[in-house]
Amino acid sequence: MNNQVAGPNSKKPFYGWYIVFVMASAAAVNMAMGTLNFGLFIKPMGDELGIGRSTFGWASTIRSFASAGTSPFVGSLIDRYGSRILLPVATLITAGAMWGLGSINNGWQLVLLFAVMGLVGMSGPGALVTTVPVTKWFVRNRGKAVAYAGLGIPIGSLIFVPLTQVFIDAWGWRTAWIVLAAIGAGILVPLAFIFLRREPEDMGLLPDGDTPDTPDREEDVEQLTESAKDSAGEYSWTRSEVIRTGVFWRLVIVFSLVMLGISTVGVHRIPAFADRGIDAGQISIATALDAVAAGISTFTMGMLARRIQVRFLGAAGFTFLAVASVLTIYANSIEMVFISMWVFGMGIGGMMFLQTYIWAEYFGRAHLGSIRGLVMPITLLAGGIGAPTAGYVRDSTGTYNDIWWAGVAVMAFGAVIVAFTTAPKRPGRRPPVRPRPAA
């Protein structure tokens, strides 16, 4: 076992930053694997196959439901083994499903293949395999690490979303799915095998690159928020302790409501803009800027997390989502489409940062995969209702407006609730645990 420690004064970079690089790469490639670029396929696939918008909504929902079913198991595996094997396996399964999308002829095949994607928890809202590892390598610099990992989103969106539209225009949607699958697998599988490790203790390291005798830096501690100071003490809640707290259940309710609101708008806004006569190429650029905004938002919030309570950052993100949804309802020009996409991206960035950061900050590192694996089934099942419901509303009424206004309401409510959700108090019967380097 490697017992060399890369401490604050070491010339070697802390290995956790290699983990950040791989997960930033995963975030970038995920933009090509049926997540943000999925909306670009809806109109051409629907027109050729005669599939209604509700079917595409169900595909997104079934992926979430599949992730909900497997996330407790996946979360536990991440705690025990890390993502070094899980990420390549998840990537290959997702790429295989995308390859299959190039040959479908019926709506049920679309739904089935998206369910396969959801089972492995790599893409979409249940992406534990790509979000948990970074938070296990950092405590003091957790916000910064999440910020840098989030930069993969704007980079990937600027590359892969417009490229997806280029592939569709040049070769058709069937070949586009196959080419994107090959690109995703070719990038992520070798990166994961070469660089990923479970947690710093496995390499004889401590979080943030500290050594066992590294003194606490008073200037850093003074600048931390109260909840971040608790996290710096490295107290890790067990899953049984977590579920007995009101904070846990309040966060579950918040994420469930906001994901419900997002799912009514997120999948359907791209084809809705196309229905209004907006050029598909311009929509793809606007969609890419949506993800750029998400990356900027995640990065900014990560850098601010040592100064501002995460609950306030999360409330700001949810407010952006509500405002963006209102703009989406009224967007009838490309200028309004760009504005609505940008603001929505800022909100999505806040949502992603909150999901990645708050569970580790409030409840510690050791059982993070299991805790988030417990949360995901609840939030994904609740959020999964939105996309097919919005599709049915549009198919029956010809407009998304009624369901989108309902989404605005739940996003705004979620912003209020999270703003008042403070960090839980530690149980009194166990002292804080400082991780030790492996023997």
Foldseek 3Di string as FASTA:
>chain_A
DAQDFQAPPRPDDHLLVLLLVLLLQLLLLLCQQCALQVLLVVVQVCVVQVDFQLLVLLLLLLLLLLLLVQLLVLLVCLLVFNLLPLQLVLLLQSLVLLLVVLPDRDSVSSSVSSNSNSNSLCHDPSNCNSQQQSLQQAQLLSLQSQLSSLLSQLVSLVPNLLVLVVCCVPPNNSVSSNVSSVVRSVPNNVSSNPRDGRYQQVNSAFHPSHAPPDDDDVVSLVLADPLSNVLVLQAADDLVRLVPDPLLVLVLLLLQLLLQLCSQPSSCLLVVLVVLVDDSSLSSVLSSLLRVLLSVLSNVCSVCNRHDPLLLLLLVLLLLLLVLLVLSQVDNDSVSSSVSSNSNSNSNSSVSNCLSPVQCSQRNRNSSSSNVSNSSSSSSNSSSVNSSVLSVCCVVPVDSVVSNNVSSVSSNVSSVSSNPSDRDDDDDPDRRDGDGHHD
